[in-house]
Amino acid sequence: MDDHPVVREGLVEIINRQPGFHVCGEAENRAQALTAIKSNKPDLVIVDLALNGQPGIELIKDIRAHHPELRVLVLSMHDELVHAERVLRAGASGYIAKQEAAVRIVSAVQRVMDGGIYLSDRAATQIASKLTGQPQGTAFEHLTDRELQVFGLIGEGLSTQQIAARLQLGTGTIETYRARIKEKLQLKDALAVLQSAIRWNRSQSL
């Protein structure tokens, strides 16, 4: 499920050329995705982490809650070292960067369909290091999924009230997330949080 038609068309063409594979549906957002899954009953879903401004990780959690047998592969432009472990915890079985998709998507799909986990060597090494007590990540990894989501929205220039409305949460809850973000990233004030969030968003779009 991807919100960019050109990206989806390219994926569909690559996957449909492979023997035994067939794309049975597409979607631009979370609601469409859940409807398509219910109607088409796929064996695997490819999910983007950004669906028309909606967090793809929430879609992964929805899929795991309602279709626990369904395999999920994440395709994203976002930093794999920050997001790979998050999507695995949410219930996905693999993560592939968009810039690698053309040459690796078939291998990734096959690995996940066979019941395995697909990650780049870099991400797999980082996760293994954390499990053995040798963390090699960044400060952003200490943010929860929701905190990282709020951080991204701060970087878009949204106010506390706008973020609360977008996420359907109270303004007090958003202020709590802001405080936690500032503490975890060791930022001195709200301006530093905003500047860091803007840099983060720019880095994710490169």
N, C-alpha and C. Protein backbone atom coordinates (compact mmCIF):
# COMPACT_ATOMS: atom_id res chain seq x y z
N MET A 1 0.84 -1.17 0.00
CA MET A 1 0.00 0.00 0.00
C MET A 1 0.90 1.24 0.00
N ASP A 2 0.80 2.06 -1.04
CA ASP A 2 1.66 3.23 -1.18
C ASP A 2 0.82 4.38 -1.69
N ASP A 3 1.15 5.62 -1.25
CA ASP A 3 0.34 6.75 -1.65
C ASP A 3 0.85 7.43 -2.92
N HIS A 4 1.88 6.89 -3.56
CA HIS A 4 2.39 7.45 -4.80
C HIS A 4 2.08 6.50 -5.96
N PRO A 5 1.20 6.91 -6.89
CA PRO A 5 0.81 6.02 -7.99
C PRO A 5 1.97 5.51 -8.82
N VAL A 6 2.97 6.36 -9.09
CA VAL A 6 4.10 5.94 -9.92
C VAL A 6 4.87 4.82 -9.23
N VAL A 7 5.09 4.95 -7.92
CA VAL A 7 5.78 3.92 -7.16
C VAL A 7 4.99 2.62 -7.21
N ARG A 8 3.68 2.72 -7.00
CA ARG A 8 2.84 1.51 -7.01
C ARG A 8 2.86 0.83 -8.37
N GLU A 9 2.78 1.63 -9.44
CA GLU A 9 2.79 1.04 -10.78
C GLU A 9 4.08 0.28 -11.04
N GLY A 10 5.20 0.85 -10.60
CA GLY A 10 6.48 0.18 -10.79
C GLY A 10 6.55 -1.13 -10.02
N LEU A 11 6.07 -1.12 -8.78
CA LEU A 11 6.06 -2.34 -7.97
C LEU A 11 5.17 -3.40 -8.58
N VAL A 12 3.99 -2.98 -9.02
CA VAL A 12 3.04 -3.92 -9.61
C VAL A 12 3.67 -4.60 -10.83
N GLU A 13 4.33 -3.82 -11.66
CA GLU A 13 4.93 -4.38 -12.87
C GLU A 13 6.02 -5.40 -12.52
N ILE A 14 6.88 -5.04 -11.57
CA ILE A 14 7.98 -5.93 -11.18
C ILE A 14 7.44 -7.23 -10.59
N ILE A 15 6.48 -7.12 -9.68
CA ILE A 15 5.96 -8.30 -8.99
C ILE A 15 5.16 -9.20 -9.93
N ASN A 16 4.35 -8.59 -10.78
CA ASN A 16 3.51 -9.40 -11.67
C ASN A 16 4.32 -10.15 -12.73
N ARG A 17 5.56 -9.72 -12.96
CA ARG A 17 6.41 -10.43 -13.92
C ARG A 17 6.95 -11.73 -13.35
N GLN A 18 6.86 -11.90 -12.04
CA GLN A 18 7.44 -13.08 -11.41
C GLN A 18 6.45 -14.25 -11.38
N PRO A 19 6.90 -15.44 -11.78
CA PRO A 19 6.01 -16.61 -11.76
C PRO A 19 5.47 -16.87 -10.35
N GLY A 20 4.19 -17.06 -10.26
CA GLY A 20 3.57 -17.38 -8.98
C GLY A 20 3.16 -16.17 -8.16
N PHE A 21 3.52 -14.96 -8.61
CA PHE A 21 3.14 -13.74 -7.90
C PHE A 21 2.08 -12.98 -8.68
N HIS A 22 1.13 -12.39 -7.97
CA HIS A 22 0.12 -11.56 -8.62
C HIS A 22 -0.38 -10.51 -7.64
N VAL A 23 -0.36 -9.25 -8.07
CA VAL A 23 -0.85 -8.15 -7.24
C VAL A 23 -2.37 -8.11 -7.36
N CYS A 24 -3.06 -8.31 -6.24
CA CYS A 24 -4.53 -8.41 -6.28
C CYS A 24 -5.22 -7.13 -5.82
N GLY A 25 -4.48 -6.11 -5.39
CA GLY A 25 -5.13 -4.89 -4.96
C GLY A 25 -4.12 -3.80 -4.62
N GLU A 26 -4.60 -2.55 -4.62
CA GLU A 26 -3.77 -1.40 -4.28
C GLU A 26 -4.58 -0.44 -3.41
N ALA A 27 -3.88 0.42 -2.67
CA ALA A 27 -4.57 1.39 -1.82
C ALA A 27 -3.68 2.60 -1.59
N GLU A 28 -4.31 3.75 -1.34
CA GLU A 28 -3.59 4.98 -1.10
C GLU A 28 -3.55 5.38 0.37
N ASN A 29 -4.42 4.78 1.20
CA ASN A 29 -4.46 5.17 2.60
C ASN A 29 -4.88 3.98 3.46
N ARG A 30 -4.91 4.21 4.75
CA ARG A 30 -5.17 3.15 5.72
C ARG A 30 -6.56 2.52 5.54
N ALA A 31 -7.58 3.36 5.37
CA ALA A 31 -8.94 2.85 5.23
C ALA A 31 -9.08 2.01 3.97
N GLN A 32 -8.55 2.50 2.86
CA GLN A 32 -8.60 1.74 1.61
C GLN A 32 -7.85 0.42 1.74
N ALA A 33 -6.73 0.47 2.44
CA ALA A 33 -5.92 -0.74 2.61
C ALA A 33 -6.68 -1.82 3.36
N LEU A 34 -7.32 -1.44 4.46
CA LEU A 34 -8.06 -2.41 5.26
C LEU A 34 -9.23 -2.99 4.48
N THR A 35 -9.88 -2.15 3.67
CA THR A 35 -10.99 -2.63 2.84
C THR A 35 -10.48 -3.60 1.78
N ALA A 36 -9.36 -3.24 1.15
CA ALA A 36 -8.80 -4.10 0.10
C ALA A 36 -8.36 -5.45 0.67
N ILE A 37 -7.78 -5.42 1.85
CA ILE A 37 -7.34 -6.68 2.48
C ILE A 37 -8.53 -7.57 2.76
N LYS A 38 -9.60 -7.00 3.27
CA LYS A 38 -10.80 -7.77 3.59
C LYS A 38 -11.42 -8.36 2.33
N SER A 39 -11.40 -7.60 1.23
CA SER A 39 -12.03 -8.05 -0.01
C SER A 39 -11.18 -9.04 -0.78
N ASN A 40 -9.88 -8.78 -0.86
CA ASN A 40 -9.01 -9.57 -1.73
C ASN A 40 -8.30 -10.73 -1.05
N LYS A 41 -8.23 -10.68 0.29
CA LYS A 41 -7.60 -11.75 1.06
C LYS A 41 -6.20 -12.12 0.52
N PRO A 42 -5.28 -11.17 0.51
CA PRO A 42 -3.92 -11.44 0.00
C PRO A 42 -3.11 -12.31 0.96
N ASP A 43 -2.00 -12.85 0.46
CA ASP A 43 -1.07 -13.61 1.29
C ASP A 43 -0.03 -12.69 1.92
N LEU A 44 0.19 -11.54 1.29
CA LEU A 44 1.20 -10.61 1.77
C LEU A 44 0.77 -9.19 1.41
N VAL A 45 1.11 -8.24 2.29
CA VAL A 45 0.82 -6.83 2.04
C VAL A 45 2.13 -6.05 2.11
N ILE A 46 2.35 -5.17 1.13
CA ILE A 46 3.49 -4.27 1.13
C ILE A 46 2.99 -2.91 1.60
N VAL A 47 3.56 -2.40 2.69
CA VAL A 47 3.08 -1.17 3.32
C VAL A 47 4.15 -0.09 3.32
N ASP A 48 3.74 1.13 2.91
CA ASP A 48 4.61 2.29 3.05
C ASP A 48 4.40 2.86 4.44
N LEU A 49 5.45 3.44 5.02
CA LEU A 49 5.31 4.01 6.36
C LEU A 49 4.58 5.35 6.36
N ALA A 50 4.40 5.96 5.18
CA ALA A 50 3.67 7.23 5.08
C ALA A 50 2.58 7.08 4.04
N LEU A 51 1.33 7.04 4.49
CA LEU A 51 0.19 6.89 3.59
C LEU A 51 -0.66 8.15 3.65
N ASN A 52 -0.42 9.07 2.69
CA ASN A 52 -1.15 10.34 2.68
C ASN A 52 -1.12 11.02 4.05
N GLY A 53 0.07 11.05 4.66
CA GLY A 53 0.21 11.70 5.95
C GLY A 53 -0.18 10.84 7.13
N GLN A 54 -0.67 9.63 6.88
CA GLN A 54 -1.07 8.74 7.97
C GLN A 54 0.09 7.80 8.29
N PRO A 55 0.26 7.44 9.55
CA PRO A 55 1.37 6.56 9.92
C PRO A 55 1.13 5.11 9.49
N GLY A 56 1.99 4.61 8.61
CA GLY A 56 1.85 3.23 8.15
C GLY A 56 2.01 2.22 9.26
N ILE A 57 2.74 2.59 10.31
CA ILE A 57 2.95 1.63 11.40
C ILE A 57 1.63 1.30 12.09
N GLU A 58 0.69 2.26 12.10
CA GLU A 58 -0.62 1.99 12.69
C GLU A 58 -1.40 1.00 11.82
N LEU A 59 -1.21 1.07 10.50
CA LEU A 59 -1.84 0.10 9.61
C LEU A 59 -1.28 -1.30 9.89
N ILE A 60 0.02 -1.39 10.12
CA ILE A 60 0.62 -2.70 10.42
C ILE A 60 -0.01 -3.28 11.68
N LYS A 61 -0.18 -2.45 12.70
CA LYS A 61 -0.79 -2.92 13.94
C LYS A 61 -2.24 -3.37 13.71
N ASP A 62 -2.97 -2.62 12.86
CA ASP A 62 -4.34 -3.01 12.53
C ASP A 62 -4.37 -4.37 11.83
N ILE A 63 -3.45 -4.55 10.90
CA ILE A 63 -3.39 -5.81 10.17
C ILE A 63 -3.11 -6.97 11.12
N ARG A 64 -2.17 -6.78 12.03
CA ARG A 64 -1.84 -7.84 12.97
C ARG A 64 -3.01 -8.15 13.89
N ALA A 65 -3.79 -7.13 14.23
CA ALA A 65 -4.93 -7.33 15.13
C ALA A 65 -6.07 -8.07 14.44
N HIS A 66 -6.31 -7.76 13.17
CA HIS A 66 -7.47 -8.32 12.47
C HIS A 66 -7.12 -9.47 11.52
N HIS A 67 -5.85 -9.52 11.08
CA HIS A 67 -5.43 -10.59 10.15
C HIS A 67 -4.07 -11.11 10.60
N PRO A 68 -3.99 -11.76 11.74
CA PRO A 68 -2.69 -12.16 12.31
C PRO A 68 -1.88 -13.09 11.42
N GLU A 69 -2.53 -13.77 10.50
CA GLU A 69 -1.81 -14.70 9.62
C GLU A 69 -1.19 -14.01 8.41
N LEU A 70 -1.57 -12.76 8.16
CA LEU A 70 -1.14 -12.04 6.96
C LEU A 70 0.29 -11.53 7.12
N ARG A 71 1.13 -11.80 6.13
CA ARG A 71 2.51 -11.34 6.17
C ARG A 71 2.59 -9.90 5.68
N VAL A 72 3.46 -9.10 6.31
CA VAL A 72 3.61 -7.68 5.98
C VAL A 72 5.07 -7.36 5.69
N LEU A 73 5.30 -6.70 4.56
CA LEU A 73 6.63 -6.21 4.18
C LEU A 73 6.54 -4.69 4.08
N VAL A 74 7.43 -3.99 4.74
CA VAL A 74 7.44 -2.52 4.71
C VAL A 74 8.40 -2.03 3.64
N LEU A 75 7.91 -1.09 2.84
CA LEU A 75 8.73 -0.43 1.83
C LEU A 75 8.72 1.06 2.16
N SER A 76 9.89 1.67 2.38
CA SER A 76 9.88 3.04 2.85
C SER A 76 11.16 3.78 2.47
N MET A 77 11.03 5.11 2.40
CA MET A 77 12.20 5.95 2.17
C MET A 77 12.85 6.36 3.48
N HIS A 78 12.20 6.06 4.61
CA HIS A 78 12.70 6.49 5.90
C HIS A 78 13.92 5.68 6.34
N ASP A 79 14.65 6.23 7.29
CA ASP A 79 15.90 5.64 7.77
C ASP A 79 15.65 4.25 8.35
N GLU A 80 16.23 3.26 7.71
CA GLU A 80 16.01 1.87 8.12
C GLU A 80 16.51 1.62 9.54
N LEU A 81 17.62 2.26 9.92
CA LEU A 81 18.19 2.00 11.23
C LEU A 81 17.30 2.52 12.35
N VAL A 82 16.42 3.46 12.03
CA VAL A 82 15.49 3.97 13.03
C VAL A 82 14.18 3.18 13.02
N HIS A 83 13.74 2.77 11.84
CA HIS A 83 12.39 2.22 11.71
C HIS A 83 12.30 0.69 11.61
N ALA A 84 13.36 0.02 11.23
CA ALA A 84 13.27 -1.42 10.99
C ALA A 84 12.80 -2.18 12.23
N GLU A 85 13.43 -1.90 13.37
CA GLU A 85 13.04 -2.61 14.59
C GLU A 85 11.61 -2.26 15.00
N ARG A 86 11.21 -1.01 14.76
CA ARG A 86 9.85 -0.59 15.11
C ARG A 86 8.81 -1.38 14.31
N VAL A 87 9.04 -1.54 13.01
CA VAL A 87 8.04 -2.23 12.20
C VAL A 87 7.99 -3.72 12.53
N LEU A 88 9.14 -4.29 12.93
CA LEU A 88 9.13 -5.69 13.34
C LEU A 88 8.32 -5.85 14.63
N ARG A 89 8.51 -4.93 15.57
CA ARG A 89 7.73 -4.98 16.81
C ARG A 89 6.24 -4.81 16.54
N ALA A 90 5.91 -4.01 15.53
CA ALA A 90 4.50 -3.78 15.20
C ALA A 90 3.86 -4.98 14.53
N GLY A 91 4.69 -5.89 13.98
CA GLY A 91 4.15 -7.09 13.38
C GLY A 91 4.56 -7.35 11.95
N ALA A 92 5.39 -6.48 11.37
CA ALA A 92 5.87 -6.72 10.00
C ALA A 92 6.94 -7.80 10.00
N SER A 93 7.20 -8.34 8.81
CA SER A 93 8.21 -9.39 8.69
C SER A 93 9.41 -8.97 7.85
N GLY A 94 9.45 -7.70 7.48
CA GLY A 94 10.59 -7.24 6.71
C GLY A 94 10.52 -5.76 6.42
N TYR A 95 11.68 -5.22 6.03
CA TYR A 95 11.80 -3.79 5.73
C TYR A 95 12.75 -3.64 4.56
N ILE A 96 12.30 -2.92 3.53
CA ILE A 96 13.15 -2.67 2.38
C ILE A 96 13.08 -1.20 2.01
N ALA A 97 14.23 -0.58 1.77
CA ALA A 97 14.29 0.83 1.41
C ALA A 97 13.83 1.01 -0.04
N LYS A 98 13.14 2.12 -0.30
CA LYS A 98 12.62 2.37 -1.65
C LYS A 98 13.71 2.41 -2.70
N GLN A 99 14.88 2.94 -2.33
CA GLN A 99 15.95 3.04 -3.30
C GLN A 99 16.51 1.68 -3.69
N GLU A 100 16.19 0.65 -2.89
CA GLU A 100 16.65 -0.70 -3.21
C GLU A 100 15.55 -1.54 -3.84
N ALA A 101 14.35 -1.01 -3.91
CA ALA A 101 13.20 -1.83 -4.26
C ALA A 101 13.32 -2.52 -5.61
N ALA A 102 13.79 -1.80 -6.62
CA ALA A 102 13.81 -2.36 -7.98
C ALA A 102 14.61 -3.65 -8.08
N VAL A 103 15.72 -3.72 -7.35
CA VAL A 103 16.58 -4.89 -7.47
C VAL A 103 16.34 -5.93 -6.38
N ARG A 104 15.69 -5.53 -5.28
CA ARG A 104 15.56 -6.45 -4.15
C ARG A 104 14.13 -6.83 -3.79
N ILE A 105 13.14 -6.19 -4.40
CA ILE A 105 11.77 -6.40 -3.96
C ILE A 105 11.33 -7.85 -4.10
N VAL A 106 11.72 -8.51 -5.19
CA VAL A 106 11.29 -9.89 -5.40
C VAL A 106 11.90 -10.81 -4.34
N SER A 107 13.18 -10.61 -4.04
CA SER A 107 13.84 -11.41 -3.00
C SER A 107 13.18 -11.17 -1.65
N ALA A 108 12.86 -9.90 -1.38
CA ALA A 108 12.23 -9.56 -0.10
C ALA A 108 10.86 -10.21 0.02
N VAL A 109 10.07 -10.11 -1.04
CA VAL A 109 8.73 -10.72 -1.03
C VAL A 109 8.83 -12.22 -0.84
N GLN A 110 9.74 -12.87 -1.56
CA GLN A 110 9.88 -14.32 -1.46
C GLN A 110 10.31 -14.73 -0.06
N ARG A 111 11.25 -13.99 0.53
CA ARG A 111 11.73 -14.31 1.87
C ARG A 111 10.58 -14.24 2.89
N VAL A 112 9.81 -13.18 2.81
CA VAL A 112 8.71 -13.00 3.76
C VAL A 112 7.61 -14.04 3.52
N MET A 113 7.33 -14.33 2.25
CA MET A 113 6.32 -15.34 1.93
C MET A 113 6.72 -16.72 2.43
N ASP A 114 8.02 -16.97 2.47
CA ASP A 114 8.53 -18.27 2.95
C ASP A 114 8.58 -18.34 4.47
N GLY A 115 8.13 -17.27 5.13
CA GLY A 115 8.10 -17.29 6.58
C GLY A 115 9.31 -16.68 7.25
N GLY A 116 10.20 -16.07 6.45
CA GLY A 116 11.41 -15.48 7.01
C GLY A 116 11.27 -14.00 7.29
N ILE A 117 12.38 -13.39 7.72
CA ILE A 117 12.46 -11.97 7.99
C ILE A 117 13.42 -11.35 6.99
N TYR A 118 13.02 -10.23 6.37
CA TYR A 118 13.90 -9.58 5.42
C TYR A 118 14.36 -8.24 5.97
N LEU A 119 15.68 -8.09 6.12
CA LEU A 119 16.30 -6.82 6.52
C LEU A 119 17.62 -6.69 5.76
N SER A 120 18.09 -5.46 5.62
CA SER A 120 19.43 -5.29 5.07
C SER A 120 20.44 -5.81 6.08
N ASP A 121 21.64 -6.11 5.63
CA ASP A 121 22.69 -6.57 6.55
C ASP A 121 22.96 -5.52 7.62
N ARG A 122 22.89 -4.25 7.23
CA ARG A 122 23.16 -3.15 8.17
C ARG A 122 22.15 -3.14 9.30
N ALA A 123 20.86 -3.26 8.96
CA ALA A 123 19.83 -3.22 9.99
C ALA A 123 19.87 -4.48 10.85
N ALA A 124 20.09 -5.62 10.21
CA ALA A 124 20.16 -6.87 10.97
C ALA A 124 21.31 -6.84 11.98
N THR A 125 22.44 -6.27 11.57
CA THR A 125 23.59 -6.17 12.46
C THR A 125 23.28 -5.28 13.66
N GLN A 126 22.60 -4.16 13.39
CA GLN A 126 22.28 -3.26 14.49
C GLN A 126 21.34 -3.91 15.49
N ILE A 127 20.31 -4.59 14.99
CA ILE A 127 19.35 -5.24 15.89
C ILE A 127 20.03 -6.35 16.68
N ALA A 128 20.89 -7.12 16.02
CA ALA A 128 21.62 -8.17 16.72
C ALA A 128 22.52 -7.58 17.80
N SER A 129 23.14 -6.45 17.51
CA SER A 129 24.02 -5.80 18.48
C SER A 129 23.25 -5.37 19.71
N LYS A 130 22.04 -4.86 19.51
CA LYS A 130 21.22 -4.44 20.65
C LYS A 130 20.84 -5.65 21.50
N LEU A 131 20.53 -6.75 20.85
CA LEU A 131 20.14 -7.96 21.59
C LEU A 131 21.30 -8.52 22.41
N THR A 132 22.52 -8.26 21.96
CA THR A 132 23.70 -8.77 22.68
C THR A 132 24.29 -7.71 23.60
N GLY A 133 23.54 -6.62 23.81
CA GLY A 133 23.99 -5.59 24.74
C GLY A 133 25.01 -4.64 24.19
N GLN A 134 25.06 -4.50 22.86
CA GLN A 134 26.03 -3.59 22.26
C GLN A 134 25.30 -2.62 21.34
N PRO A 135 24.52 -1.69 21.89
CA PRO A 135 23.74 -0.77 21.08
C PRO A 135 24.61 0.10 20.18
N GLN A 136 24.15 0.25 18.91
CA GLN A 136 24.90 1.05 17.95
C GLN A 136 23.98 2.08 17.26
N GLY A 137 22.83 2.36 17.83
CA GLY A 137 21.86 3.18 17.15
C GLY A 137 22.02 4.66 17.43
N THR A 138 20.94 5.40 17.16
CA THR A 138 20.92 6.84 17.34
C THR A 138 19.96 7.20 18.47
N ALA A 139 19.98 8.47 18.86
CA ALA A 139 19.11 8.93 19.93
C ALA A 139 17.63 8.78 19.56
N PHE A 140 17.32 8.86 18.27
CA PHE A 140 15.93 8.77 17.83
C PHE A 140 15.32 7.40 18.15
N GLU A 141 16.15 6.40 18.29
CA GLU A 141 15.63 5.07 18.60
C GLU A 141 15.00 5.00 19.98
N HIS A 142 15.34 5.96 20.83
CA HIS A 142 14.78 5.96 22.18
C HIS A 142 13.36 6.51 22.21
N LEU A 143 12.93 7.13 21.12
CA LEU A 143 11.57 7.63 21.04
C LEU A 143 10.60 6.48 20.77
N THR A 144 9.44 6.51 21.41
CA THR A 144 8.41 5.51 21.11
C THR A 144 7.83 5.81 19.73
N ASP A 145 7.02 4.88 19.22
CA ASP A 145 6.39 5.10 17.92
C ASP A 145 5.59 6.39 17.92
N ARG A 146 4.80 6.61 18.96
CA ARG A 146 3.97 7.82 19.02
C ARG A 146 4.82 9.07 19.16
N GLU A 147 5.88 9.00 19.96
CA GLU A 147 6.76 10.16 20.12
C GLU A 147 7.42 10.52 18.79
N LEU A 148 7.84 9.51 18.05
CA LEU A 148 8.47 9.76 16.77
C LEU A 148 7.46 10.36 15.79
N GLN A 149 6.21 9.90 15.87
CA GLN A 149 5.16 10.45 15.03
C GLN A 149 4.92 11.93 15.36
N VAL A 150 4.82 12.25 16.65
CA VAL A 150 4.63 13.63 17.08
C VAL A 150 5.83 14.48 16.66
N PHE A 151 7.02 13.94 16.80
CA PHE A 151 8.25 14.64 16.42
C PHE A 151 8.20 15.03 14.94
N GLY A 152 7.76 14.08 14.10
CA GLY A 152 7.65 14.37 12.67
C GLY A 152 6.64 15.47 12.38
N LEU A 153 5.53 15.48 13.10
CA LEU A 153 4.51 16.50 12.90
C LEU A 153 4.98 17.87 13.39
N ILE A 154 5.78 17.88 14.46
CA ILE A 154 6.39 19.13 14.91
C ILE A 154 7.27 19.69 13.79
N GLY A 155 8.01 18.80 13.14
CA GLY A 155 8.88 19.21 12.04
C GLY A 155 8.13 19.74 10.84
N GLU A 156 6.85 19.40 10.73
CA GLU A 156 6.02 19.93 9.65
C GLU A 156 5.47 21.31 9.99
N GLY A 157 5.78 21.78 11.21
CA GLY A 157 5.33 23.10 11.63
C GLY A 157 3.97 23.13 12.29
N LEU A 158 3.42 21.97 12.66
CA LEU A 158 2.10 21.93 13.28
C LEU A 158 2.19 22.34 14.74
N SER A 159 1.17 23.05 15.19
CA SER A 159 1.09 23.45 16.59
C SER A 159 0.61 22.27 17.43
N THR A 160 0.67 22.44 18.76
CA THR A 160 0.18 21.40 19.66
C THR A 160 -1.29 21.09 19.37
N GLN A 161 -2.08 22.13 19.16
CA GLN A 161 -3.50 21.94 18.88
C GLN A 161 -3.72 21.19 17.56
N GLN A 162 -2.94 21.53 16.56
CA GLN A 162 -3.08 20.87 15.25
C GLN A 162 -2.65 19.40 15.33
N ILE A 163 -1.59 19.14 16.06
CA ILE A 163 -1.14 17.76 16.22
C ILE A 163 -2.20 16.95 16.99
N ALA A 164 -2.75 17.55 18.02
CA ALA A 164 -3.79 16.87 18.81
C ALA A 164 -4.98 16.53 17.93
N ALA A 165 -5.38 17.47 17.07
CA ALA A 165 -6.52 17.22 16.17
C ALA A 165 -6.18 16.14 15.16
N ARG A 166 -4.96 16.17 14.62
CA ARG A 166 -4.55 15.18 13.62
C ARG A 166 -4.55 13.77 14.21
N LEU A 167 -4.08 13.65 15.44
CA LEU A 167 -3.95 12.33 16.08
C LEU A 167 -5.14 11.97 16.96
N GLN A 168 -6.09 12.90 17.06
CA GLN A 168 -7.28 12.69 17.87
C GLN A 168 -6.91 12.40 19.33
N LEU A 169 -6.02 13.26 19.85
CA LEU A 169 -5.57 13.16 21.22
C LEU A 169 -5.75 14.52 21.90
N GLY A 170 -5.68 14.55 23.21
CA GLY A 170 -5.78 15.80 23.94
C GLY A 170 -4.51 16.62 23.83
N THR A 171 -4.64 17.95 23.96
CA THR A 171 -3.46 18.81 23.88
C THR A 171 -2.49 18.53 25.03
N GLY A 172 -3.03 18.16 26.20
CA GLY A 172 -2.16 17.82 27.32
C GLY A 172 -1.30 16.60 27.01
N THR A 173 -1.87 15.65 26.31
CA THR A 173 -1.12 14.44 25.91
C THR A 173 0.01 14.81 24.96
N ILE A 174 -0.28 15.70 24.02
CA ILE A 174 0.75 16.12 23.07
C ILE A 174 1.86 16.88 23.79
N GLU A 175 1.50 17.72 24.75
CA GLU A 175 2.52 18.44 25.51
C GLU A 175 3.42 17.46 26.28
N THR A 176 2.81 16.38 26.77
CA THR A 176 3.61 15.36 27.47
C THR A 176 4.59 14.71 26.50
N TYR A 177 4.12 14.41 25.29
CA TYR A 177 5.02 13.83 24.29
C TYR A 177 6.15 14.80 23.95
N ARG A 178 5.82 16.08 23.83
CA ARG A 178 6.84 17.08 23.54
C ARG A 178 7.91 17.10 24.63
N ALA A 179 7.48 17.04 25.87
CA ALA A 179 8.42 17.06 26.99
C ALA A 179 9.31 15.82 26.97
N ARG A 180 8.73 14.68 26.68
CA ARG A 180 9.52 13.45 26.63
C ARG A 180 10.53 13.49 25.49
N ILE A 181 10.11 14.03 24.35
CA ILE A 181 11.00 14.14 23.19
C ILE A 181 12.18 15.04 23.55
N LYS A 182 11.88 16.18 24.15
CA LYS A 182 12.94 17.12 24.54
C LYS A 182 13.94 16.47 25.49
N GLU A 183 13.42 15.70 26.44
CA GLU A 183 14.29 15.04 27.41
C GLU A 183 15.12 13.94 26.77
N LYS A 184 14.49 13.09 25.98
CA LYS A 184 15.20 11.96 25.38
C LYS A 184 16.26 12.40 24.37
N LEU A 185 15.97 13.48 23.64
CA LEU A 185 16.93 13.95 22.64
C LEU A 185 17.88 14.99 23.22
N GLN A 186 17.69 15.29 24.52
CA GLN A 186 18.55 16.23 25.23
C GLN A 186 18.59 17.59 24.53
N LEU A 187 17.40 18.12 24.25
CA LEU A 187 17.25 19.42 23.61
C LEU A 187 16.83 20.44 24.67
N LYS A 188 17.35 21.65 24.58
CA LYS A 188 17.20 22.60 25.68
C LYS A 188 15.84 23.28 25.75
N ASP A 189 15.16 23.47 24.59
CA ASP A 189 13.89 24.18 24.63
C ASP A 189 13.04 23.82 23.41
N ALA A 190 11.85 24.44 23.32
CA ALA A 190 10.91 24.14 22.24
C ALA A 190 11.49 24.48 20.87
N LEU A 191 12.25 25.56 20.79
CA LEU A 191 12.86 25.93 19.52
C LEU A 191 13.86 24.87 19.05
N ALA A 192 14.63 24.36 19.98
CA ALA A 192 15.60 23.31 19.63
C ALA A 192 14.88 22.05 19.16
N VAL A 193 13.73 21.75 19.80
CA VAL A 193 12.93 20.60 19.37
C VAL A 193 12.45 20.82 17.94
N LEU A 194 11.93 22.01 17.64
CA LEU A 194 11.43 22.32 16.31
C LEU A 194 12.54 22.22 15.27
N GLN A 195 13.69 22.81 15.57
CA GLN A 195 14.80 22.77 14.62
C GLN A 195 15.27 21.35 14.36
N SER A 196 15.35 20.55 15.42
CA SER A 196 15.76 19.16 15.28
C SER A 196 14.74 18.37 14.46
N ALA A 197 13.46 18.64 14.71
CA ALA A 197 12.40 17.94 13.99
C ALA A 197 12.41 18.29 12.50
N ILE A 198 12.67 19.56 12.19
CA ILE A 198 12.75 19.96 10.78
C ILE A 198 13.91 19.26 10.10
N ARG A 199 15.07 19.21 10.76
CA ARG A 199 16.23 18.51 10.19
C ARG A 199 15.93 17.03 10.00
N TRP A 200 15.23 16.46 10.99
CA TRP A 200 14.87 15.03 10.89
C TRP A 200 13.99 14.78 9.68
N ASN A 201 12.96 15.60 9.49
CA ASN A 201 12.06 15.42 8.35
C ASN A 201 12.80 15.56 7.04
N ARG A 202 13.70 16.52 6.96
CA ARG A 202 14.47 16.72 5.73
C ARG A 202 15.35 15.50 5.45
N SER A 203 15.95 14.94 6.49
CA SER A 203 16.81 13.77 6.31
C SER A 203 16.02 12.56 5.82
N GLN A 204 14.74 12.48 6.20
CA GLN A 204 13.93 11.35 5.81
C GLN A 204 13.42 11.45 4.39
N SER A 205 13.50 12.66 3.80
CA SER A 205 13.00 12.85 2.44
C SER A 205 14.11 12.83 1.40
N LEU A 206 15.36 12.62 1.84
CA LEU A 206 16.48 12.61 0.90
C LEU A 206 16.50 11.33 0.09
